[in-house]
Amino acid sequence: MKHLKLEERASNRVLMGGWGKLLLEFGLCMSLSLGLAFSCCAQEANYPSKPIRLVVGFSPGGSADGVGRALAENLSLRLGQPVIVENRAGANGNIAAEMVARAQADGYTLYFPSIGHAVNATLYKNLSFDPVADFTAIGGVFSAPNMLVVPAKSPFHTVAQLVAFAKAHPGALTFASSGSGTSVHLSGELFAKMAGISMVHIPYKGTGSAMPDLISGQVDMSFPNIPSALPQVNAGTLRALGVTTAKRSNASPQVPTMSEAGVPGYDMATWYGLIGPANMAPSIRTRLNAELQVILANPQFKVKLLSQGAETMPGTALQFENFIKSETERWRKIIEQAKISIDQ
């Protein structure tokens, strides 16, 4: 009996020891989890506590880079931390987007996407990321028409003259873009499709790279964003033939719409916004959107955009998320119907 009691006590000690280890391990896991949770909450509460990187998918010198830097400067003032612009040009922003998609969702890596972000899902068949699911929408920044421009020495003074020449000489005209799949490229492809003409697409790594060849006449035309086109038009180095939206631009009201100029129904606008990696903390997303709304309401920032034909896009993060989804679907239909392809 004494031996049985000793064995029973020993067995209980073993069992209690096992449970003790499990409870100790459970306690350690809970402590670690709570510690991480408190750490994450502290990081969110102290956001931002270090410099933020704003990735721009185009080369320096274009409209995306210019507005991106203005946005970064204003965000720096609002957030109290440097916001550093990093240019990652190529593949219609896909190189930049992929880098951001793989970054930590801590609010310290942000992306300044264009309309190209919404069309890439259709134009590129083997993307390593999902343009919608792999990102957190923060807010829209601005939208603007594109502008059909030709060199100042071009013989074409109207869209009708250009179309007539193109129909008489299929494939003779070239048009430059800031890269395959960009709004500049799609504007040209849509124009060719709706006007019933054939042109040769010459892609560049950004509008800034295309401008010298366009001004010198090495390419016949382009459809740059108004912020990029207008300074050259005002300087007399380029001639404007039409804007791509359904209504004229306040920045250049004397320039007719493409529809008025002879391509009925032509209508498109480009846009830019602010997004981050998927699964960003709601509190950080809300903070960034709130600061963005203040910047968009800033008279100096707003007037600067309006003077270049652009309009701010205020709204909630959810509204911008839904906008990206709708734009992705809209351009999928247009690209498929027009059978637009890219040079890969």
Protein backbone atom coordinates (compact mmCIF):
# COMPACT_ATOMS: atom_id res chain seq x y z
CA MET A 1 0.00 0.00 0.00
CA LYS A 2 2.86 2.30 0.92
CA HIS A 3 4.52 1.54 -2.43
CA LEU A 4 1.24 2.23 -4.27
CA LYS A 5 0.84 5.58 -2.53
CA LEU A 6 4.40 6.53 -3.38
CA GLU A 7 3.85 5.56 -7.01
CA GLU A 8 0.56 7.52 -7.08
CA ARG A 9 2.26 10.61 -5.66
CA ALA A 10 5.10 10.25 -8.14
CA SER A 11 2.59 9.88 -10.97
CA ASN A 12 0.72 12.98 -9.81
CA ARG A 13 3.95 14.94 -9.67
CA VAL A 14 4.72 13.85 -13.25
CA LEU A 15 1.24 14.83 -14.38
CA MET A 16 1.35 18.10 -12.54
CA GLY A 17 4.81 18.70 -13.91
CA GLY A 18 3.52 18.13 -17.45
CA TRP A 19 0.58 20.46 -16.92
CA GLY A 20 2.89 22.92 -15.31
CA LYS A 21 5.12 22.96 -18.36
CA LEU A 22 2.10 23.39 -20.64
CA LEU A 23 0.76 26.19 -18.48
CA LEU A 24 4.17 27.81 -18.40
CA GLU A 25 4.49 27.56 -22.18
CA PHE A 26 0.96 28.89 -22.61
CA GLY A 27 1.74 31.74 -20.28
CA LEU A 28 4.89 32.56 -22.21
CA CYS A 29 2.99 32.52 -25.53
CA MET A 30 0.28 34.76 -24.09
CA SER A 31 2.88 37.12 -22.73
CA LEU A 32 4.66 37.19 -26.09
CA SER A 33 1.38 37.75 -27.96
CA LEU A 34 0.31 40.49 -25.58
CA GLY A 35 3.76 42.02 -25.82
CA LEU A 36 3.61 42.04 -29.61
CA ALA A 37 0.08 43.45 -29.51
CA PHE A 38 1.12 46.22 -27.14
CA SER A 39 4.20 46.85 -29.30
CA CYS A 40 2.11 47.11 -32.47
CA CYS A 41 -0.36 49.41 -30.72
CA ALA A 42 2.49 51.56 -29.51
CA GLN A 43 3.96 51.71 -33.02
CA GLU A 44 0.59 52.70 -34.48
CA ALA A 45 0.07 55.32 -31.77
CA ASN A 46 3.52 56.78 -32.41
CA TYR A 47 3.18 56.69 -36.20
CA PRO A 48 5.17 58.03 -37.89
CA SER A 49 8.39 57.76 -35.88
CA LYS A 50 10.82 57.60 -38.80
CA PRO A 51 11.09 58.73 -42.47
CA ILE A 52 8.49 57.49 -44.96
CA ARG A 53 9.27 56.36 -48.48
CA LEU A 54 6.91 57.45 -51.30
CA VAL A 55 7.52 55.32 -54.38
CA VAL A 56 6.78 56.88 -57.79
CA GLY A 57 6.63 54.52 -60.76
CA PHE A 58 7.95 56.98 -63.32
CA SER A 59 11.15 58.87 -64.08
CA PRO A 60 11.92 62.32 -62.63
CA GLY A 61 10.64 65.25 -64.64
CA GLY A 62 7.13 64.08 -65.51
CA SER A 63 3.80 65.12 -64.00
CA ALA A 64 3.67 62.11 -61.68
CA ASP A 65 7.07 62.96 -60.25
CA GLY A 66 6.27 66.68 -59.89
CA VAL A 67 2.97 66.21 -58.07
CA GLY A 68 4.40 63.28 -56.12
CA ARG A 69 7.17 65.51 -54.77
CA ALA A 70 4.69 68.26 -53.90
CA LEU A 71 2.58 65.68 -52.09
CA ALA A 72 5.65 64.33 -50.27
CA GLU A 73 6.61 67.83 -49.16
CA ASN A 74 3.15 68.51 -47.77
CA LEU A 75 2.95 65.11 -46.09
CA SER A 76 6.31 65.79 -44.44
CA LEU A 77 4.94 69.01 -42.96
CA ARG A 78 1.75 67.32 -41.78
CA LEU A 79 3.33 64.16 -40.35
CA GLY A 80 6.46 65.68 -38.87
CA GLN A 81 8.75 63.18 -40.59
CA PRO A 82 10.63 63.31 -43.92
CA VAL A 83 8.73 61.77 -46.82
CA ILE A 84 11.32 60.75 -49.39
CA VAL A 85 10.41 60.22 -53.04
CA GLU A 86 11.93 57.15 -54.65
CA ASN A 87 11.59 56.81 -58.44
CA ARG A 88 11.25 53.24 -59.73
CA ALA A 89 10.42 53.62 -63.41
CA GLY A 90 9.47 50.84 -65.78
CA ALA A 91 6.66 48.53 -66.92
CA ASN A 92 3.92 51.13 -66.44
CA GLY A 93 4.55 51.31 -62.73
CA ASN A 94 4.65 47.55 -62.19
CA ILE A 95 8.24 47.60 -60.90
CA ALA A 96 7.32 50.18 -58.27
CA ALA A 97 4.02 48.50 -57.44
CA GLU A 98 5.64 45.10 -56.93
CA MET A 99 8.20 46.60 -54.57
CA VAL A 100 5.47 48.25 -52.49
CA ALA A 101 3.29 45.13 -52.51
CA ARG A 102 6.18 43.17 -50.93
CA ALA A 103 7.01 45.86 -48.36
CA GLN A 104 5.96 45.73 -44.71
CA ALA A 105 2.47 47.08 -44.17
CA ASP A 106 3.65 49.48 -41.47
CA GLY A 107 2.89 52.76 -43.25
CA TYR A 108 6.51 53.57 -44.04
CA THR A 109 6.37 52.52 -47.70
CA LEU A 110 3.67 54.18 -49.79
CA TYR A 111 2.93 54.22 -53.53
CA PHE A 112 1.76 57.02 -55.84
CA PRO A 113 -0.11 55.08 -58.55
CA SER A 114 -1.56 56.39 -61.78
CA ILE A 115 -4.49 55.15 -63.86
CA GLY A 116 -2.02 52.59 -65.21
CA HIS A 117 -2.31 50.71 -61.93
CA ALA A 118 -5.95 49.95 -62.76
CA VAL A 119 -5.32 48.85 -66.35
CA ASN A 120 -2.33 46.62 -65.64
CA ALA A 121 -4.55 43.77 -64.51
CA THR A 122 -5.79 43.49 -68.12
CA LEU A 123 -2.69 44.55 -70.06
CA TYR A 124 -0.24 42.30 -68.22
CA LYS A 125 -1.17 38.63 -68.05
CA ASN A 126 1.53 37.43 -65.64
CA LEU A 127 1.66 39.99 -62.86
CA SER A 128 3.28 38.81 -59.63
CA PHE A 129 0.76 40.86 -57.63
CA ASP A 130 -2.92 41.78 -57.67
CA PRO A 131 -3.41 45.53 -58.34
CA VAL A 132 -6.39 45.57 -55.95
CA ALA A 133 -6.03 42.78 -53.38
CA ASP A 134 -2.34 43.34 -52.63
CA PHE A 135 -2.72 47.02 -51.69
CA THR A 136 -4.42 49.27 -49.16
CA ALA A 137 -6.18 52.25 -50.75
CA ILE A 138 -5.59 55.50 -48.86
CA GLY A 139 -7.09 58.22 -51.07
CA GLY A 140 -7.25 59.89 -54.47
CA VAL A 141 -4.99 62.87 -55.20
CA PHE A 142 -5.95 64.37 -58.57
CA SER A 143 -7.42 63.73 -62.00
CA ALA A 144 -6.70 65.57 -65.26
CA PRO A 145 -7.22 65.38 -69.00
CA ASN A 146 -4.47 64.37 -71.35
CA MET A 147 -3.68 66.61 -74.30
CA LEU A 148 -2.94 65.74 -77.92
CA VAL A 149 0.16 67.74 -78.82
CA VAL A 150 2.44 67.95 -81.86
CA PRO A 151 5.78 69.72 -82.32
CA ALA A 152 5.56 73.46 -82.97
CA LYS A 153 6.94 72.92 -86.50
CA SER A 154 4.38 70.17 -87.30
CA PRO A 155 2.23 70.71 -90.41
CA PHE A 156 -0.85 69.65 -88.45
CA HIS A 157 -2.91 72.44 -86.91
CA THR A 158 -6.11 70.47 -86.27
CA VAL A 159 -7.10 66.93 -85.38
CA ALA A 160 -8.96 66.69 -88.70
CA GLN A 161 -5.77 67.43 -90.66
CA LEU A 162 -3.87 64.82 -88.70
CA VAL A 163 -6.56 62.18 -89.21
CA ALA A 164 -6.79 62.90 -92.93
CA PHE A 165 -3.02 62.45 -93.34
CA ALA A 166 -3.00 59.27 -91.26
CA LYS A 167 -5.78 57.73 -93.37
CA ALA A 168 -3.89 58.57 -96.55
CA HIS A 169 -0.59 57.24 -95.12
CA PRO A 170 -1.35 54.26 -92.82
CA GLY A 171 1.42 53.64 -90.29
CA ALA A 172 3.41 56.73 -91.28
CA LEU A 173 2.77 58.67 -88.07
CA THR A 174 4.37 57.92 -84.71
CA PHE A 175 3.16 58.76 -81.23
CA ALA A 176 5.25 58.83 -78.07
CA SER A 177 4.11 57.66 -74.67
CA SER A 178 5.51 57.54 -71.16
CA GLY A 179 5.49 53.74 -71.35
CA SER A 180 3.38 50.86 -72.57
CA GLY A 181 0.02 50.74 -70.83
CA THR A 182 0.17 54.27 -69.40
CA SER A 183 -2.69 56.70 -69.86
CA VAL A 184 -0.57 58.45 -72.52
CA HIS A 185 -0.31 55.18 -74.44
CA LEU A 186 -3.98 54.29 -73.99
CA SER A 187 -5.03 57.78 -75.13
CA GLY A 188 -3.17 57.24 -78.40
CA GLU A 189 -4.48 53.73 -78.93
CA LEU A 190 -8.04 54.84 -78.20
CA PHE A 191 -7.62 57.75 -80.62
CA ALA A 192 -6.35 55.47 -83.38
CA LYS A 193 -9.19 53.01 -82.81
CA MET A 194 -11.96 55.63 -82.74
CA ALA A 195 -10.54 57.68 -85.65
CA GLY A 196 -9.96 54.58 -87.77
CA ILE A 197 -6.26 55.19 -88.34
CA SER A 198 -2.99 53.31 -87.87
CA MET A 199 -0.03 54.79 -85.95
CA VAL A 200 3.26 53.48 -84.58
CA HIS A 201 3.64 53.55 -80.81
CA ILE A 202 7.04 54.66 -79.43
CA PRO A 203 7.23 53.97 -75.66
CA TYR A 204 9.62 55.90 -73.41
CA LYS A 205 10.52 55.53 -69.74
CA GLY A 206 8.44 58.47 -68.59
CA THR A 207 7.09 61.69 -70.09
CA GLY A 208 10.28 63.52 -69.21
CA SER A 209 12.25 61.12 -71.41
CA ALA A 210 9.83 61.53 -74.33
CA MET A 211 9.67 65.33 -74.35
CA PRO A 212 13.02 66.07 -76.09
CA ASP A 213 12.19 63.80 -79.04
CA LEU A 214 8.65 65.16 -79.24
CA ILE A 215 9.77 68.80 -79.21
CA SER A 216 12.47 68.14 -81.81
CA GLY A 217 10.03 66.35 -84.10
CA GLN A 218 11.59 62.89 -83.98
CA VAL A 219 8.12 61.65 -83.08
CA ASP A 220 4.96 63.14 -84.55
CA MET A 221 2.68 63.47 -81.53
CA SER A 222 1.88 62.45 -77.98
CA PHE A 223 -0.94 62.57 -75.41
CA PRO A 224 0.83 63.70 -72.21
CA ASN A 225 -0.96 64.71 -69.04
CA ILE A 226 -1.83 68.41 -69.03
CA PRO A 227 0.62 69.20 -66.21
CA SER A 228 3.40 67.94 -68.48
CA ALA A 229 2.05 69.32 -71.77
CA LEU A 230 0.88 72.79 -70.78
CA PRO A 231 4.27 74.35 -69.94
CA GLN A 232 5.60 73.32 -73.35
CA VAL A 233 2.45 74.55 -75.10
CA ASN A 234 2.68 77.90 -73.32
CA ALA A 235 6.38 78.11 -74.20
CA GLY A 236 5.59 77.57 -77.87
CA THR A 237 7.60 74.36 -78.26
CA LEU A 238 4.46 72.21 -78.67
CA ARG A 239 1.07 72.84 -80.29
CA ALA A 240 -2.13 71.57 -78.61
CA LEU A 241 -4.80 70.04 -80.86
CA GLY A 242 -7.27 68.67 -78.31
CA VAL A 243 -7.92 67.53 -74.73
CA THR A 244 -9.08 64.01 -73.97
CA THR A 245 -11.99 64.69 -71.61
CA ALA A 246 -15.61 65.36 -72.55
CA LYS A 247 -15.33 68.99 -71.43
CA ARG A 248 -12.62 71.56 -72.05
CA SER A 249 -9.92 72.18 -69.50
CA ASN A 250 -10.04 75.36 -67.42
CA ALA A 251 -6.27 75.53 -67.76
CA SER A 252 -6.50 75.84 -71.54
CA PRO A 253 -10.12 76.58 -72.51
CA GLN A 254 -9.22 77.58 -76.07
CA VAL A 255 -8.20 73.99 -76.87
CA PRO A 256 -11.16 71.91 -78.11
CA THR A 257 -12.04 68.48 -76.80
CA MET A 258 -11.16 65.51 -79.00
CA SER A 259 -14.89 65.00 -79.50
CA GLU A 260 -15.32 68.60 -80.70
CA ALA A 261 -12.25 68.27 -82.90
CA GLY A 262 -13.61 65.37 -84.92
CA VAL A 263 -13.57 62.17 -82.81
CA PRO A 264 -17.12 62.01 -81.38
CA GLY A 265 -17.48 60.25 -78.03
CA TYR A 266 -13.80 60.37 -77.12
CA ASP A 267 -13.46 60.79 -73.34
CA MET A 268 -10.80 59.79 -70.82
CA ALA A 269 -8.96 61.28 -67.85
CA THR A 270 -5.87 60.23 -65.98
CA TRP A 271 -5.61 60.13 -62.20
CA TYR A 272 -3.18 59.60 -59.34
CA GLY A 273 -3.67 58.49 -55.76
CA LEU A 274 -2.02 57.17 -52.62
CA ILE A 275 -1.91 53.51 -51.60
CA GLY A 276 0.20 51.19 -49.45
CA PRO A 277 0.80 47.45 -49.01
CA ALA A 278 -2.16 45.22 -48.15
CA ASN A 279 -3.25 44.86 -44.52
CA MET A 280 -2.10 48.25 -43.27
CA ALA A 281 -3.43 49.06 -39.81
CA PRO A 282 -6.80 50.85 -40.03
CA SER A 283 -5.53 53.56 -37.69
CA ILE A 284 -2.58 54.34 -39.97
CA ARG A 285 -4.79 54.28 -43.05
CA THR A 286 -7.24 56.65 -41.37
CA ARG A 287 -4.43 58.98 -40.26
CA LEU A 288 -2.90 59.16 -43.74
CA ASN A 289 -6.28 59.77 -45.38
CA ALA A 290 -7.09 62.53 -42.90
CA GLU A 291 -3.78 64.28 -43.56
CA LEU A 292 -4.31 63.85 -47.31
CA GLN A 293 -7.71 65.57 -47.12
CA VAL A 294 -6.12 68.56 -45.38
CA ILE A 295 -3.48 68.77 -48.12
CA LEU A 296 -6.08 68.55 -50.91
CA ALA A 297 -8.06 71.36 -49.28
CA ASN A 298 -4.96 73.55 -49.02
CA PRO A 299 -5.61 76.52 -51.36
CA GLN A 300 -2.01 76.64 -52.59
CA PHE A 301 -1.92 72.93 -53.41
CA LYS A 302 -5.37 73.10 -55.00
CA VAL A 303 -4.66 76.20 -57.10
CA LYS A 304 -1.39 74.68 -58.30
CA LEU A 305 -3.25 71.66 -59.64
CA LEU A 306 -6.10 73.70 -61.12
CA SER A 307 -3.66 75.96 -62.96
CA GLN A 308 -2.38 72.85 -64.73
CA GLY A 309 -5.79 71.52 -65.65
CA ALA A 310 -5.98 69.05 -62.77
CA GLU A 311 -8.63 68.72 -60.10
CA THR A 312 -8.21 67.29 -56.60
CA MET A 313 -9.91 64.00 -55.69
CA PRO A 314 -10.97 64.30 -52.05
CA GLY A 315 -12.76 61.41 -50.37
CA THR A 316 -12.50 58.53 -47.94
CA ALA A 317 -10.15 55.58 -48.25
CA LEU A 318 -13.11 53.30 -48.97
CA GLN A 319 -14.33 55.60 -51.75
CA PHE A 320 -10.91 55.48 -53.39
CA GLU A 321 -10.78 51.70 -53.00
CA ASN A 322 -14.12 51.39 -54.81
CA PHE A 323 -12.94 53.86 -57.43
CA ILE A 324 -9.87 51.72 -58.22
CA LYS A 325 -12.09 48.66 -58.54
CA SER A 326 -14.48 50.45 -60.91
CA GLU A 327 -11.63 51.85 -63.00
CA THR A 328 -10.08 48.39 -63.27
CA GLU A 329 -13.33 46.99 -64.63
CA ARG A 330 -13.98 49.99 -66.91
CA TRP A 331 -10.60 49.76 -68.59
CA ARG A 332 -10.81 45.98 -68.86
CA LYS A 333 -13.86 46.41 -71.10
CA ILE A 334 -12.29 49.23 -73.15
CA ILE A 335 -8.99 47.39 -73.66
CA GLU A 336 -10.69 44.17 -74.68
CA GLN A 337 -13.16 45.89 -77.01
CA ALA A 338 -10.46 48.02 -78.64
CA LYS A 339 -8.05 45.04 -78.71
CA ILE A 340 -5.28 47.23 -77.28
CA SER A 341 -2.00 45.43 -76.79
CA ILE A 342 1.28 46.49 -75.23
CA ASP A 343 4.87 46.08 -76.33
CA GLN A 344 6.36 43.56 -73.93
